[in-house]
Each structure stands twice: as structure tokens, then as C-alpha cells.
N, C-alpha and C. Protein backbone atom coordinates (compact mmCIF):
# COMPACT_ATOMS: atom_id res chain seq x y z
N MET A 1 23.12 13.11 -4.11
CA MET A 1 22.43 12.40 -5.12
C MET A 1 20.95 12.64 -4.87
N ARG A 2 20.13 12.72 -6.02
CA ARG A 2 18.60 12.90 -5.94
C ARG A 2 18.10 11.59 -5.53
N ARG A 3 17.16 11.66 -4.67
CA ARG A 3 16.41 10.46 -4.27
C ARG A 3 15.04 10.47 -4.99
N GLY A 4 14.61 9.18 -5.23
CA GLY A 4 13.38 9.01 -5.95
C GLY A 4 12.90 7.50 -5.84
N PRO A 5 11.96 7.18 -6.55
CA PRO A 5 11.38 5.84 -6.55
C PRO A 5 12.34 4.63 -6.84
N ARG A 6 13.36 5.00 -7.79
CA ARG A 6 14.34 4.00 -8.14
C ARG A 6 15.70 4.33 -7.51
N SER A 7 15.78 5.33 -6.79
CA SER A 7 17.01 5.72 -6.21
C SER A 7 16.84 6.21 -4.72
N PHE A 8 16.96 5.40 -3.69
CA PHE A 8 16.71 5.65 -2.43
C PHE A 8 17.76 5.09 -1.50
N ASP A 9 17.69 5.60 -0.25
CA ASP A 9 18.68 5.19 0.77
C ASP A 9 18.01 4.01 1.55
N PRO A 10 18.40 2.75 1.52
CA PRO A 10 17.81 1.68 1.97
C PRO A 10 17.99 1.80 3.54
N VAL A 11 18.88 2.33 4.02
CA VAL A 11 19.18 2.37 5.52
C VAL A 11 18.11 3.37 6.06
N LEU A 12 18.07 4.50 5.45
CA LEU A 12 17.09 5.52 6.01
C LEU A 12 15.59 4.95 5.95
N LEU A 13 15.32 4.28 4.70
CA LEU A 13 13.91 3.94 4.47
C LEU A 13 13.71 2.70 5.43
N GLY A 14 14.68 1.71 5.72
CA GLY A 14 14.42 0.72 6.71
C GLY A 14 14.23 1.23 8.19
N GLN A 15 14.98 2.21 8.43
CA GLN A 15 14.84 2.88 9.87
C GLN A 15 13.47 3.50 9.98
N ARG A 16 13.12 4.32 9.00
CA ARG A 16 11.88 4.95 9.08
C ARG A 16 10.67 3.96 8.99
N GLU A 17 10.68 2.95 8.23
CA GLU A 17 9.58 1.97 8.31
C GLU A 17 9.50 1.32 9.65
N CYS A 18 10.67 0.98 10.14
CA CYS A 18 10.73 0.29 11.53
C CYS A 18 10.10 1.11 12.59
N ALA A 19 10.52 2.46 12.55
CA ALA A 19 10.00 3.45 13.45
C ALA A 19 8.41 3.43 13.35
N ALA A 20 7.93 3.50 12.06
CA ALA A 20 6.49 3.56 11.77
C ALA A 20 5.79 2.37 12.31
N TRP A 21 6.36 1.20 12.09
CA TRP A 21 5.68 -0.07 12.67
C TRP A 21 5.64 -0.10 14.25
N ALA A 22 6.82 0.35 14.81
CA ALA A 22 7.00 0.25 16.28
C ALA A 22 5.87 1.33 16.90
N ALA A 23 5.90 2.52 16.26
CA ALA A 23 4.96 3.45 16.80
C ALA A 23 3.47 3.04 16.62
N TYR A 24 3.19 2.33 15.40
CA TYR A 24 1.85 1.91 15.22
C TYR A 24 1.48 0.85 16.46
N TYR A 25 2.35 -0.06 16.72
CA TYR A 25 1.89 -1.07 17.74
C TYR A 25 2.11 -0.60 19.18
N ARG A 26 2.62 0.67 19.31
CA ARG A 26 2.71 1.16 20.65
C ARG A 26 1.55 2.20 20.75
N HIS A 27 0.76 2.33 19.72
CA HIS A 27 -0.42 3.23 19.67
C HIS A 27 -0.01 4.77 19.85
N GLU A 28 1.24 5.01 19.24
CA GLU A 28 1.62 6.42 19.27
C GLU A 28 1.41 7.14 17.86
N ARG A 29 0.07 7.57 17.82
CA ARG A 29 -0.38 8.00 16.47
C ARG A 29 0.36 9.08 15.85
N GLY A 30 0.83 10.03 16.63
CA GLY A 30 1.72 11.13 16.10
C GLY A 30 2.95 10.56 15.50
N ARG A 31 3.61 9.80 16.14
CA ARG A 31 4.72 9.24 15.50
C ARG A 31 4.46 8.29 14.34
N VAL A 32 3.41 7.60 14.33
CA VAL A 32 3.00 6.79 13.12
C VAL A 32 3.00 7.84 11.97
N LEU A 33 2.28 8.82 12.16
CA LEU A 33 2.02 9.87 11.09
C LEU A 33 3.40 10.39 10.54
N VAL A 34 4.13 10.94 11.47
CA VAL A 34 5.43 11.47 11.08
C VAL A 34 6.37 10.37 10.57
N SER A 35 6.44 9.19 11.07
CA SER A 35 7.29 8.20 10.37
C SER A 35 6.76 7.74 8.94
N SER A 36 5.47 7.66 8.99
CA SER A 36 4.95 7.30 7.66
C SER A 36 5.28 8.29 6.54
N ILE A 37 4.94 9.48 6.93
CA ILE A 37 5.33 10.61 5.98
C ILE A 37 6.78 10.57 5.60
N GLY A 38 7.58 10.51 6.60
CA GLY A 38 9.01 10.46 6.32
C GLY A 38 9.44 9.31 5.40
N LEU A 39 8.80 8.19 5.59
CA LEU A 39 9.02 7.00 4.92
C LEU A 39 8.76 7.21 3.44
N VAL A 40 7.69 7.79 3.22
CA VAL A 40 7.24 8.12 1.64
C VAL A 40 8.17 9.18 1.17
N ARG A 41 8.56 10.10 2.10
CA ARG A 41 9.41 11.21 1.37
C ARG A 41 10.82 10.73 1.10
N ALA A 42 11.28 9.83 2.01
CA ALA A 42 12.64 9.11 1.72
C ALA A 42 12.54 8.18 0.47
N GLY A 43 11.50 7.51 0.38
CA GLY A 43 11.34 6.49 -0.53
C GLY A 43 11.08 6.90 -1.95
N PHE A 44 10.37 8.21 -2.13
CA PHE A 44 9.91 8.63 -3.45
C PHE A 44 10.52 9.99 -3.73
N GLY A 45 10.98 10.70 -2.84
CA GLY A 45 11.65 11.99 -3.13
C GLY A 45 10.80 13.05 -3.76
N MET A 46 9.44 13.10 -3.43
CA MET A 46 8.47 13.95 -4.02
C MET A 46 8.41 15.25 -3.22
N ALA A 47 7.78 16.34 -3.81
CA ALA A 47 7.46 17.52 -2.96
C ALA A 47 6.40 17.14 -1.86
N TRP A 48 6.29 18.00 -0.91
CA TRP A 48 5.56 17.72 0.30
C TRP A 48 3.98 17.39 -0.04
N PRO A 49 3.42 18.24 -0.84
CA PRO A 49 1.91 17.81 -1.11
C PRO A 49 1.77 16.53 -1.71
N ARG A 50 2.69 16.19 -2.59
CA ARG A 50 2.50 14.84 -3.25
C ARG A 50 2.95 13.81 -2.21
N THR A 51 3.90 14.12 -1.38
CA THR A 51 4.34 13.13 -0.40
C THR A 51 3.11 12.77 0.65
N LEU A 52 2.50 13.71 0.98
CA LEU A 52 1.29 13.57 1.89
C LEU A 52 0.24 12.64 1.21
N LEU A 53 -0.10 12.94 -0.13
CA LEU A 53 -0.98 12.17 -0.79
C LEU A 53 -0.39 10.72 -1.06
N GLY A 54 0.85 10.67 -1.33
CA GLY A 54 1.68 9.42 -1.43
C GLY A 54 1.52 8.44 -0.26
N ALA A 55 1.74 9.16 0.98
CA ALA A 55 1.64 8.39 2.18
C ALA A 55 0.23 7.58 2.28
N TRP A 56 -0.86 8.35 1.96
CA TRP A 56 -2.19 7.63 1.87
C TRP A 56 -2.18 6.38 0.87
N TYR A 57 -1.67 6.76 -0.40
CA TYR A 57 -1.70 5.71 -1.32
C TYR A 57 -0.89 4.48 -0.81
N VAL A 58 0.26 4.76 -0.19
CA VAL A 58 1.02 3.55 0.19
C VAL A 58 0.42 2.86 1.33
N LEU A 59 -0.25 3.53 2.32
CA LEU A 59 -1.08 2.77 3.24
C LEU A 59 -2.13 1.94 2.60
N ARG A 60 -2.81 2.53 1.70
CA ARG A 60 -3.91 1.73 0.89
C ARG A 60 -3.33 0.57 0.13
N ALA A 61 -2.12 0.80 -0.54
CA ALA A 61 -1.52 -0.24 -1.25
C ALA A 61 -1.08 -1.44 -0.42
N ASN A 62 -0.46 -1.11 0.81
CA ASN A 62 -0.05 -2.14 1.69
C ASN A 62 -1.27 -2.96 2.17
N GLN A 63 -2.42 -2.39 2.27
CA GLN A 63 -3.53 -3.04 2.71
C GLN A 63 -4.21 -3.98 1.52
N ALA A 64 -3.94 -3.57 0.33
CA ALA A 64 -4.57 -4.38 -0.78
C ALA A 64 -3.51 -5.39 -1.42
N ARG A 65 -2.27 -5.31 -1.25
CA ARG A 65 -1.54 -6.07 -1.97
C ARG A 65 -0.51 -6.82 -1.13
N ALA A 66 0.21 -8.01 -1.40
CA ALA A 66 1.10 -8.65 -0.50
C ALA A 66 2.55 -8.51 -1.10
N LEU A 67 3.51 -8.18 -0.20
CA LEU A 67 4.99 -8.27 -0.35
C LEU A 67 5.59 -8.15 -1.67
N SER A 68 5.96 -9.32 -2.37
CA SER A 68 6.59 -9.14 -3.75
C SER A 68 5.59 -8.62 -4.86
N GLU A 69 4.26 -8.90 -4.61
CA GLU A 69 3.34 -8.41 -5.60
C GLU A 69 3.26 -6.97 -5.50
N LEU A 70 3.30 -6.34 -4.41
CA LEU A 70 3.44 -4.92 -4.19
C LEU A 70 4.48 -4.26 -4.83
N TYR A 71 5.76 -4.71 -4.49
CA TYR A 71 7.04 -4.32 -5.08
C TYR A 71 6.91 -4.34 -6.70
N ALA A 72 6.54 -5.45 -7.07
CA ALA A 72 6.43 -5.72 -8.61
C ALA A 72 5.57 -4.73 -9.19
N HIS A 73 4.39 -4.50 -8.63
CA HIS A 73 3.48 -3.51 -9.25
C HIS A 73 3.98 -2.13 -9.22
N VAL A 74 4.54 -1.69 -7.94
CA VAL A 74 5.05 -0.35 -7.92
C VAL A 74 6.22 0.00 -8.91
N TYR A 75 7.09 -0.96 -9.08
CA TYR A 75 8.29 -0.83 -9.80
C TYR A 75 8.27 -1.39 -11.21
N ASP A 76 7.00 -1.96 -11.58
CA ASP A 76 6.78 -2.63 -12.91
C ASP A 76 7.90 -3.55 -13.27
N ILE A 77 8.11 -4.41 -12.39
CA ILE A 77 9.09 -5.71 -12.59
C ILE A 77 8.37 -7.04 -12.20
N ALA A 78 9.13 -7.98 -12.66
CA ALA A 78 8.47 -9.35 -12.32
C ALA A 78 8.67 -9.66 -10.88
N PRO A 79 7.72 -10.25 -10.29
CA PRO A 79 7.69 -10.54 -8.91
C PRO A 79 8.92 -11.39 -8.50
N GLU A 80 9.31 -12.34 -9.41
CA GLU A 80 10.61 -13.14 -8.96
C GLU A 80 11.77 -12.16 -8.88
N ALA A 81 11.92 -11.03 -9.45
CA ALA A 81 13.01 -10.17 -9.34
C ALA A 81 13.10 -9.54 -7.88
N VAL A 82 12.04 -9.59 -7.09
CA VAL A 82 12.04 -8.93 -5.79
C VAL A 82 11.90 -9.96 -4.69
N THR A 83 12.12 -11.18 -5.02
CA THR A 83 11.94 -12.24 -3.97
C THR A 83 12.75 -12.15 -2.81
N GLU A 84 14.10 -11.80 -2.93
CA GLU A 84 14.90 -11.65 -1.81
C GLU A 84 14.47 -10.46 -1.00
N ALA A 85 14.07 -9.46 -1.51
CA ALA A 85 13.59 -8.18 -0.75
C ALA A 85 12.34 -8.60 0.04
N ALA A 86 11.44 -9.33 -0.62
CA ALA A 86 10.30 -9.91 0.04
C ALA A 86 10.47 -10.82 1.09
N GLN A 87 11.39 -11.72 0.99
CA GLN A 87 11.81 -12.61 2.10
C GLN A 87 12.32 -11.82 3.31
N HIS A 88 13.22 -10.87 3.08
CA HIS A 88 13.59 -10.11 4.38
C HIS A 88 12.45 -9.38 4.92
N ARG A 89 11.56 -8.85 4.23
CA ARG A 89 10.36 -8.27 4.69
C ARG A 89 9.43 -9.09 5.55
N VAL A 90 9.34 -10.42 5.15
CA VAL A 90 8.56 -11.44 5.76
C VAL A 90 9.27 -11.66 7.18
N VAL A 91 10.57 -11.93 7.14
CA VAL A 91 11.35 -12.03 8.40
C VAL A 91 10.99 -10.82 9.30
N ALA A 92 11.04 -9.60 8.73
CA ALA A 92 10.86 -8.39 9.65
C ALA A 92 9.52 -8.42 10.21
N MET A 93 8.57 -8.81 9.45
CA MET A 93 7.20 -8.92 9.92
C MET A 93 7.05 -9.97 10.99
N ARG A 94 7.67 -11.19 10.93
CA ARG A 94 7.64 -12.11 12.01
C ARG A 94 8.33 -11.59 13.35
N LEU A 95 9.54 -10.88 13.06
CA LEU A 95 10.06 -10.33 14.26
C LEU A 95 9.22 -9.23 14.96
N SER A 96 8.52 -8.35 14.12
CA SER A 96 7.56 -7.48 14.54
C SER A 96 6.38 -8.19 15.36
N ASP A 97 5.91 -9.23 14.88
CA ASP A 97 4.90 -10.01 15.49
C ASP A 97 5.43 -10.50 16.88
N GLU A 98 6.63 -11.08 16.86
CA GLU A 98 7.17 -11.57 18.17
C GLU A 98 7.46 -10.44 19.11
N TRP A 99 7.88 -9.15 18.68
CA TRP A 99 8.00 -7.99 19.50
C TRP A 99 6.69 -7.59 20.11
N VAL A 100 5.69 -7.51 19.33
CA VAL A 100 4.33 -7.18 19.85
C VAL A 100 3.91 -8.12 20.99
N GLU A 101 4.03 -9.36 20.63
CA GLU A 101 3.66 -10.42 21.56
C GLU A 101 4.34 -10.33 22.89
N ALA A 102 5.63 -9.99 22.80
CA ALA A 102 6.41 -9.76 23.98
C ALA A 102 6.20 -8.50 24.82
N GLY A 103 5.36 -7.56 24.26
CA GLY A 103 5.11 -6.49 25.03
C GLY A 103 5.48 -4.97 24.45
N CYS A 104 6.11 -4.95 23.30
CA CYS A 104 6.49 -3.74 22.56
C CYS A 104 7.56 -2.91 23.36
N ASP A 105 8.47 -3.63 23.98
CA ASP A 105 9.55 -2.83 24.62
C ASP A 105 10.53 -2.34 23.62
N ARG A 106 10.73 -1.04 23.69
CA ARG A 106 11.67 -0.45 22.72
C ARG A 106 13.17 -0.98 22.95
N ASP A 107 13.46 -1.58 24.04
CA ASP A 107 14.83 -2.20 24.33
C ASP A 107 14.98 -3.52 23.89
N ASP A 108 13.85 -4.16 23.42
CA ASP A 108 13.83 -5.61 22.98
C ASP A 108 14.66 -5.64 21.71
N PRO A 109 15.61 -6.59 21.77
CA PRO A 109 16.60 -6.78 20.69
C PRO A 109 15.92 -7.18 19.29
N ARG A 110 14.61 -7.72 19.47
CA ARG A 110 14.01 -8.06 18.22
C ARG A 110 13.56 -6.85 17.43
N LEU A 111 13.43 -5.60 18.06
CA LEU A 111 13.17 -4.45 17.29
C LEU A 111 14.28 -4.03 16.48
N ALA A 112 15.53 -4.04 16.99
CA ALA A 112 16.75 -3.84 16.19
C ALA A 112 17.04 -4.79 15.02
N ASP A 113 16.55 -6.10 15.34
CA ASP A 113 16.68 -7.17 14.37
C ASP A 113 15.64 -7.01 13.21
N GLU A 114 14.46 -6.46 13.64
CA GLU A 114 13.36 -6.02 12.65
C GLU A 114 13.85 -5.06 11.69
N CYS A 115 14.62 -3.90 12.31
CA CYS A 115 15.20 -2.79 11.68
C CYS A 115 16.13 -3.29 10.59
N ARG A 116 17.13 -4.33 11.02
CA ARG A 116 18.07 -4.79 10.11
C ARG A 116 17.43 -5.53 8.99
N GLU A 117 16.34 -6.24 9.28
CA GLU A 117 15.70 -7.05 8.12
C GLU A 117 15.06 -6.11 7.12
N LEU A 118 14.47 -5.01 7.54
CA LEU A 118 13.86 -4.11 6.73
C LEU A 118 14.94 -3.25 5.89
N ILE A 119 16.12 -3.06 6.48
CA ILE A 119 17.18 -2.38 5.74
C ILE A 119 17.72 -3.43 4.64
N ALA A 120 17.78 -4.68 5.04
CA ALA A 120 18.21 -5.66 3.99
C ALA A 120 17.20 -5.89 2.94
N SER A 121 15.96 -5.71 3.23
CA SER A 121 14.93 -5.75 2.27
C SER A 121 15.16 -4.68 1.32
N TYR A 122 15.17 -3.36 1.88
CA TYR A 122 15.31 -2.24 0.93
C TYR A 122 16.74 -2.33 0.14
N THR A 123 17.70 -2.88 0.65
CA THR A 123 18.95 -3.01 -0.08
C THR A 123 18.84 -3.89 -1.21
N ALA A 124 18.18 -4.94 -0.94
CA ALA A 124 17.97 -5.95 -2.10
C ALA A 124 17.02 -5.33 -3.08
N LEU A 125 16.02 -4.61 -2.66
CA LEU A 125 15.12 -3.98 -3.55
C LEU A 125 15.86 -2.95 -4.46
N SER A 126 16.68 -2.15 -3.86
CA SER A 126 17.49 -1.16 -4.38
C SER A 126 18.36 -1.65 -5.50
N ALA A 127 18.91 -2.76 -5.29
CA ALA A 127 19.83 -3.39 -6.22
C ALA A 127 19.10 -3.83 -7.59
N VAL A 128 17.73 -4.10 -7.40
CA VAL A 128 16.93 -4.67 -8.52
C VAL A 128 16.40 -3.33 -9.25
N VAL A 129 15.85 -2.51 -8.51
CA VAL A 129 15.17 -1.30 -9.21
C VAL A 129 16.11 -0.26 -9.63
N ALA A 130 17.26 -0.16 -9.22
CA ALA A 130 18.42 0.79 -9.77
C ALA A 130 18.80 0.43 -11.11
N ARG A 131 18.72 -0.85 -11.59
CA ARG A 131 19.08 -1.29 -12.93
C ARG A 131 18.40 -0.56 -13.95
N PRO A 132 19.04 -0.17 -15.09
CA PRO A 132 18.34 0.53 -16.06
C PRO A 132 17.22 -0.40 -16.71
N LEU A 133 16.15 0.33 -17.08
CA LEU A 133 14.97 -0.47 -17.53
C LEU A 133 15.31 -1.07 -19.00
């Protein structure tokens, strides 16, 4: 199946985002870069040059917008439609914060819980954006 902005693998996307977050907080710049590019590639299914540019745009968009507002903007849907996805993302962020405060141990179960919440977020988002316009 072709992957793209409205057809993506929520598990792969959640795993890549979790890896990017973990690498970021562990100050593993190379892994952050690789994970972020992989995240955009898996999420949008673009050719490599556009993926690299897209990774930059996603970084900037995440800095400029909040949770359901970002999803609503990217997918041109009402913010209420992505509330469940945003709620899972908030839980993942809280788990990430707790994981960081505890020392960023890769064996900490909070990291696996964070990954599950990101996967749940992308699963909920996928259910909304895969619907015909």
C-alpha cells in the first residue's frame, strides 16, 4: 500500500517519533536527525529531497502550533475531529517529561508507555484522516 499524508502506518510513525524524542533528550544528535527524517518519510511518503525539506517544516510547525491545532491545520479538518489523537499525544508528552526527570534510561518502562501512547495517537489520527474528504 502506498504511504502518504492520509495513509500512514501508525505503529511505524509512533515508534519513529518516540525514537526521535528519546534521542533528543539523550543529546544524541545523529539519532535525532535520522529519526526525524524517518518520521517524515514514514508519515508523508515523499521523495528524499522533499522529505529532508519536510523534516525542517515539521520541526518549525511543531514549534509554532499546539497538538490538535497542528493536526487540524496539516490535514485541513476541524480540531474537534482530532481530539482523541491529541489527548494521546499529551499523555505521551507527560510520560516523556517523567522519563527525562528520571534520567532518560532506555530501560525505563515509561519510554515504552510513551511509545504506546504515540502509536495510539497516530492510530486515532489515521482513523480520522483516512476518511474520504
